Protein backbone atom coordinates (compact mmCIF):
# COMPACT_ATOMS: atom_id res chain seq x y z
CA MET A 1 0.00 0.00 0.00
CA ASP A 2 1.54 3.29 -1.12
CA LEU A 3 1.25 5.64 1.85
CA THR A 4 2.89 8.98 2.55
CA PHE A 5 5.13 9.35 5.58
CA SER A 6 2.45 11.47 7.26
CA THR A 7 -0.21 8.80 6.72
CA GLN A 8 2.12 6.06 7.94
CA THR A 9 2.80 8.07 11.09
CA GLN A 10 -0.92 8.58 11.69
CA LEU A 11 -1.65 4.88 11.24
CA ILE A 12 1.12 3.91 13.66
CA SER A 13 -0.26 6.43 16.13
CA GLY A 14 -3.71 4.94 15.70
CA PHE A 15 -2.39 1.45 16.43
CA LEU A 16 -0.58 2.63 19.56
CA LEU A 17 -3.75 4.39 20.64
CA ALA A 18 -5.70 1.17 20.14
CA CYS A 19 -3.26 -0.62 22.44
CA LEU A 20 -3.63 2.09 25.10
CA THR A 21 -7.41 2.32 24.85
CA PRO A 22 -8.20 0.27 28.01
CA THR A 23 -6.36 2.85 30.14
CA ILE A 24 -7.81 5.79 28.23
CA TYR A 25 -11.30 4.35 28.44
CA PHE A 26 -11.00 3.92 32.21
CA PHE A 27 -10.30 7.60 32.78
CA THR A 28 -12.42 9.19 30.03
CA SER A 29 -15.58 7.12 29.67
CA ASN A 30 -18.46 5.95 31.81
CA ARG A 31 -17.68 2.30 32.13
CA ARG A 32 -20.37 -0.33 31.94
CA SER A 33 -22.00 -1.06 35.31
CA LYS A 34 -20.69 -4.13 37.09
CA ASP A 35 -24.31 -5.09 37.71
CA ASN A 36 -24.65 -5.79 33.98
CA THR A 37 -21.50 -7.94 33.76
CA SER A 38 -21.69 -11.53 34.88
CA PRO A 39 -18.65 -13.59 35.96
CA GLN A 40 -18.93 -15.45 32.67
CA ASP A 41 -18.66 -12.16 30.77
CA GLU A 42 -15.42 -11.45 32.58
CA LYS A 43 -14.10 -14.88 31.64
CA THR A 44 -14.90 -14.42 27.97
CA SER A 45 -12.91 -11.20 27.75
CA ASP A 46 -9.47 -12.31 28.92
CA PRO A 47 -6.75 -10.23 27.18
CA GLU A 48 -5.06 -12.97 25.18
CA HIS A 49 -4.17 -11.16 21.97
CA SER A 50 -2.72 -7.83 20.97
CA GLN A 51 -5.52 -7.34 18.48
CA SER A 52 -7.99 -4.54 19.12
CA ILE A 53 -11.28 -6.42 18.95
CA ASP A 54 -10.29 -9.55 20.80
CA HIS A 55 -12.40 -8.75 23.85
CA THR A 56 -15.73 -8.03 22.15
CA THR A 57 -18.41 -10.50 23.25
CA HIS A 58 -21.35 -8.19 23.87
CA ASP A 59 -22.50 -4.64 23.14
CA SER A 60 -22.22 -1.57 25.33
CA ASP A 61 -25.45 -0.67 27.08
CA ASP A 62 -25.08 3.07 26.53
CA MET A 63 -25.27 3.10 22.73
CA VAL A 64 -28.18 2.27 20.47
CA PHE A 65 -28.27 1.81 16.72
CA PRO A 66 -29.94 4.37 14.44
CA PRO A 67 -32.32 3.18 11.71
CA ILE A 68 -30.64 1.91 8.54
CA PRO A 69 -32.24 3.14 5.30
CA ASN A 70 -32.86 0.37 2.74
CA ARG A 71 -31.84 -2.25 5.29
CA GLU A 72 -32.46 -5.28 3.06
CA TYR A 73 -29.97 -3.99 0.50
CA HIS A 74 -27.25 -3.63 3.12
CA GLU A 75 -28.04 -6.99 4.73
CA HIS A 76 -27.08 -8.66 1.45
CA TYR A 77 -23.50 -7.42 1.78
CA MET A 78 -23.33 -7.95 5.53
CA ARG A 79 -24.14 -11.62 4.91
CA GLN A 80 -20.97 -11.78 2.82
CA ALA A 81 -19.02 -10.18 5.67
CA ILE A 82 -20.46 -12.82 8.03
CA GLN A 83 -19.26 -15.53 5.63
CA MET A 84 -15.77 -14.04 5.78
CA ALA A 85 -15.91 -14.06 9.60
CA GLU A 86 -16.91 -17.73 9.53
CA LEU A 87 -13.88 -18.40 7.33
CA ALA A 88 -11.71 -16.62 9.91
CA LEU A 89 -13.13 -18.78 12.70
CA ALA A 90 -12.42 -21.94 10.69
CA SER A 91 -8.84 -20.65 10.27
CA ASP A 92 -8.32 -20.18 14.03
CA GLU A 93 -8.45 -16.41 13.64
CA THR A 94 -10.58 -13.97 15.60
CA PRO A 95 -13.84 -14.17 13.60
CA VAL A 96 -14.09 -10.74 12.03
CA GLY A 97 -14.78 -10.39 8.34
CA CYS A 98 -15.48 -7.53 5.96
CA VAL A 99 -16.25 -6.59 2.38
CA PHE A 100 -15.83 -3.27 0.59
CA VAL A 101 -18.58 -2.47 -1.94
CA HIS A 102 -18.37 -0.03 -4.85
CA ASP A 103 -21.34 0.51 -7.18
CA GLY A 104 -22.95 -2.70 -5.98
CA LYS A 105 -19.82 -4.80 -6.54
CA VAL A 106 -17.50 -6.25 -3.89
CA ILE A 107 -14.01 -4.93 -4.62
CA GLY A 108 -12.23 -6.19 -1.51
CA ARG A 109 -12.62 -8.90 1.12
CA GLY A 110 -10.77 -9.42 4.37
CA ILE A 111 -10.56 -11.58 7.46
CA ASN A 112 -8.49 -11.21 10.58
CA GLY A 113 -4.95 -12.38 10.00
CA THR A 114 -3.19 -11.59 13.27
CA ASN A 115 -2.65 -15.18 14.41
CA ALA A 116 -1.26 -16.50 11.14
CA SER A 117 0.98 -13.48 10.56
CA LEU A 118 1.78 -12.73 14.24
CA ASN A 119 1.16 -9.13 13.19
CA GLY A 120 -1.27 -7.13 15.33
CA THR A 121 -2.10 -4.75 12.46
CA ARG A 122 -3.52 -7.45 10.17
CA HIS A 123 -7.12 -6.57 10.88
CA ALA A 124 -9.78 -7.56 8.35
CA GLU A 125 -10.13 -3.98 7.10
CA PHE A 126 -6.40 -3.64 6.41
CA VAL A 127 -6.28 -7.00 4.63
CA ALA A 128 -9.15 -5.93 2.36
CA LEU A 129 -7.63 -2.49 1.75
CA ALA A 130 -4.40 -4.11 0.61
CA GLU A 131 -6.38 -6.13 -1.94
CA ILE A 132 -8.18 -3.01 -3.15
CA MET A 133 -4.97 -1.00 -3.51
CA SER A 134 -3.40 -3.76 -5.59
CA ARG A 135 -6.15 -3.35 -8.20
CA HIS A 136 -7.57 0.15 -7.88
CA SER A 137 -6.57 3.73 -7.21
CA GLN A 138 -7.18 5.16 -3.75
CA SER A 139 -9.69 7.53 -5.40
CA ILE A 140 -12.25 4.71 -5.50
CA LEU A 141 -12.72 4.71 -1.71
CA PRO A 142 -14.80 7.92 -1.31
CA THR A 143 -17.55 6.17 -3.28
CA THR A 144 -17.11 2.84 -1.48
CA ASP A 145 -18.90 1.41 1.57
CA LEU A 146 -17.49 -0.97 4.18
CA TYR A 147 -19.45 -3.86 5.71
CA VAL A 148 -17.71 -5.42 8.71
CA THR A 149 -18.99 -7.81 11.36
CA VAL A 150 -17.52 -5.84 14.30
CA GLU A 151 -17.23 -2.08 14.72
CA PRO A 152 -13.81 -0.93 13.42
CA CYS A 153 -11.18 -0.34 16.11
CA ILE A 154 -9.56 3.05 16.63
CA MET A 155 -6.70 2.22 14.26
CA CYS A 156 -8.99 1.05 11.47
CA ALA A 157 -11.51 3.86 12.00
CA SER A 158 -8.69 6.38 11.61
CA ALA A 159 -7.39 4.76 8.43
CA LEU A 160 -10.89 4.64 6.94
CA ARG A 161 -11.35 8.33 7.59
CA GLN A 162 -8.01 9.22 6.03
CA TYR A 163 -8.92 7.19 2.96
CA GLY A 164 -12.27 8.98 2.76
CA ILE A 165 -14.56 5.94 3.01
CA ARG A 166 -18.18 6.83 2.20
CA ALA A 167 -19.96 4.88 4.96
CA VAL A 168 -19.43 1.99 7.40
CA TYR A 169 -21.97 -0.70 8.29
CA PHE A 170 -21.14 -3.10 11.13
CA GLY A 171 -22.68 -5.93 13.14
CA CYS A 172 -21.85 -5.55 16.84
CA LEU A 173 -20.12 -2.91 18.89
CA ASN A 174 -16.45 -3.10 19.82
CA ASP A 175 -16.97 -1.93 23.39
CA ARG A 176 -13.29 -1.89 24.36
CA PHE A 177 -11.50 -0.52 21.32
CA GLY A 178 -14.26 0.79 19.07
CA GLY A 179 -13.43 3.83 16.98
CA CYS A 180 -16.92 4.45 15.57
CA GLY A 181 -18.91 5.14 18.72
CA GLY A 182 -18.25 2.11 20.93
CA VAL A 183 -15.44 3.92 22.77
CA MET A 184 -14.31 6.84 20.62
CA LYS A 185 -15.87 8.64 17.67
CA ILE A 186 -12.98 8.80 15.24
CA HIS A 187 -15.46 8.76 12.34
CA SER A 188 -17.14 12.03 13.36
CA ASP A 189 -14.75 13.94 15.64
CA ALA A 190 -13.42 17.30 14.48
CA GLY A 191 -10.47 17.02 12.10
CA LYS A 192 -9.26 17.94 8.63
CA ASP A 193 -10.30 14.63 7.03
CA PRO A 194 -13.95 14.22 5.91
CA THR A 195 -16.20 12.43 8.39
CA TYR A 196 -18.28 9.39 7.48
CA PRO A 197 -21.60 7.96 8.77
CA VAL A 198 -21.76 4.60 10.58
CA TYR A 199 -24.67 2.19 10.96
CA GLY A 200 -24.61 -0.72 13.40
CA GLY A 201 -26.74 -3.72 14.29
CA LEU A 202 -26.73 -5.63 10.99
CA PHE A 203 -26.73 -9.32 11.99
CA ARG A 204 -25.58 -8.25 15.43
CA GLU A 205 -26.44 -11.54 17.14
CA GLU A 206 -24.61 -13.59 14.50
CA ALA A 207 -21.50 -11.42 14.90
CA ILE A 208 -21.55 -11.78 18.68
CA MET A 209 -22.02 -15.55 18.57
CA LEU A 210 -19.06 -15.94 16.21
CA LEU A 211 -16.88 -14.10 18.72
CA ARG A 212 -18.18 -16.18 21.64
CA ARG A 213 -17.47 -19.39 19.75
CA PHE A 214 -13.89 -18.22 19.29
CA TYR A 215 -13.33 -17.27 22.93
CA VAL A 216 -14.46 -20.56 24.39
CA GLN A 217 -11.79 -22.42 22.44
CA GLU A 218 -8.05 -22.61 23.04
CA ASN A 219 -5.74 -20.21 21.22
CA GLU A 220 -2.19 -21.49 21.02
CA LYS A 221 -1.01 -18.25 19.37
CA ALA A 222 -1.90 -16.17 22.41
CA PRO A 223 1.08 -14.68 24.33
CA GLU A 224 -0.13 -16.46 27.48
CA PRO A 225 -2.64 -19.16 26.48
CA LYS A 226 -5.23 -19.87 29.16
CA PRO A 227 -7.04 -23.20 29.64
CA LYS A 228 -10.69 -22.97 28.62
CA LYS A 229 -11.93 -26.54 28.99
CA ASN A 230 -14.59 -25.56 31.52
CA ARG A 231 -15.98 -22.63 29.59
CA GLU A 232 -19.53 -22.77 28.31
CA LEU A 233 -20.84 -21.10 25.19
CA LYS A 234 -23.44 -18.52 26.22
CA THR A 235 -26.32 -18.16 23.77
CA GLU A 236 -28.38 -15.43 25.43
CA ILE A 237 -27.87 -12.02 23.85
CA LEU A 238 -29.50 -8.99 25.42
CA PRO A 239 -31.28 -6.73 22.91
CA VAL A 240 -30.19 -3.17 22.27
CA THR A 241 -32.88 -0.93 23.73
CA VAL A 242 -34.15 1.67 21.26
CA THR A 243 -34.37 4.93 23.19
CA GLN A 244 -34.17 8.64 22.51
CA PRO A 245 -30.41 8.59 21.71
CA THR A 246 -31.37 6.73 18.52
CA MET A 247 -32.58 9.99 16.99
CA ALA A 248 -29.40 11.75 18.16
CA ALA A 249 -27.30 9.05 16.54
CA ALA A 250 -29.32 9.33 13.33
CA LYS A 251 -28.78 13.11 13.26
CA SER A 252 -25.07 12.59 13.92
CA ASN A 253 -24.89 10.30 10.89
CA MET A 254 -26.81 12.82 8.82
CA ALA A 255 -24.37 15.55 9.83
CA ALA A 256 -21.38 13.35 9.01
CA ALA A 257 -22.77 12.46 5.59
CA ARG A 258 -23.60 16.11 4.87
CA ALA A 259 -20.10 17.22 5.87
CA ALA A 260 -18.60 14.61 3.55
CA GLU A 261 -20.76 15.76 0.65
CA GLN A 262 -19.80 19.39 1.22
CA GLN A 263 -16.20 18.44 0.48
CA LYS A 264 -17.27 17.69 -3.11
CA PRO A 265 -18.31 20.48 -5.52
CA GLU A 266 -21.13 18.33 -6.93
CA GLY A 267 -22.36 17.44 -3.48
CA LYS A 268 -23.60 20.85 -2.31
CA GLY A 269 -27.12 20.29 -3.61
CA LEU A 270 -27.34 16.92 -1.88
CA ALA A 271 -25.99 18.41 1.33
CA LYS A 272 -28.79 21.00 1.32
CA ALA A 273 -31.39 18.30 0.75
CA MET A 274 -29.99 16.26 3.65
CA GLU A 275 -30.12 19.35 5.87
CA LYS A 276 -33.81 19.77 5.09
CA MET A 277 -34.43 16.11 5.96
CA GLU A 278 -32.70 16.62 9.31
CA LEU A 279 -34.80 19.69 10.12
CA LYS A 280 -38.01 17.76 9.38
CA SER A 281 -36.96 14.94 11.71
């Protein structure tokens, strides 16, 4: 992947930030109540890998998913991302999969590759981006959407914003290292790069169950493998409660999409139309 020195530095910074997120999250965020975390939840989130999403087995209780326009269309591509995650699980990798879609065509696929490569940066998004860059110019990404089974981590969220991705659709929240609302809002925070909207909850239960299936099995590639013979696969998944913040999240997405369109000369008309939609809501 042909990256400038500045971009390389930013990506390295993002990765380091992802590694430090547990400490940052402790001091800057309202942590999930202990009353909502069972002993089994604690067991299924042992830090065994250096990868950002390795601890995700359930969603945060303080975030809800906004409505997804034309949901059936997007579910078609999320199913393909789920298939990639299943391939990762069969390969003894953390089961996260993704596809990048441009004009209705998948142009890149990726699965987690951190175990096989022993490289903590080989997240599904980076694997797919490498495939895309080998065949296309970077200019294709601002008109491309990402479908990924787990919310992108801080490192990946930062890279996606620098590349100018159009939108991100994900399955379940990454409530320890999420960069698209789960922990931090890299996708919409103030900065010189265009923001992008995110939509979560597509096949959320399937994404969570894939992760749980991975964490009840042994992982010989972990720095300090832990015995898991007595672990049981939990099948109960609490629903995400739709409350008032849903509308706030929807407006945040609308603002992010409008800001992205304003970066393009031809997008000013669309940005005005989106602003009218937001005022009506």
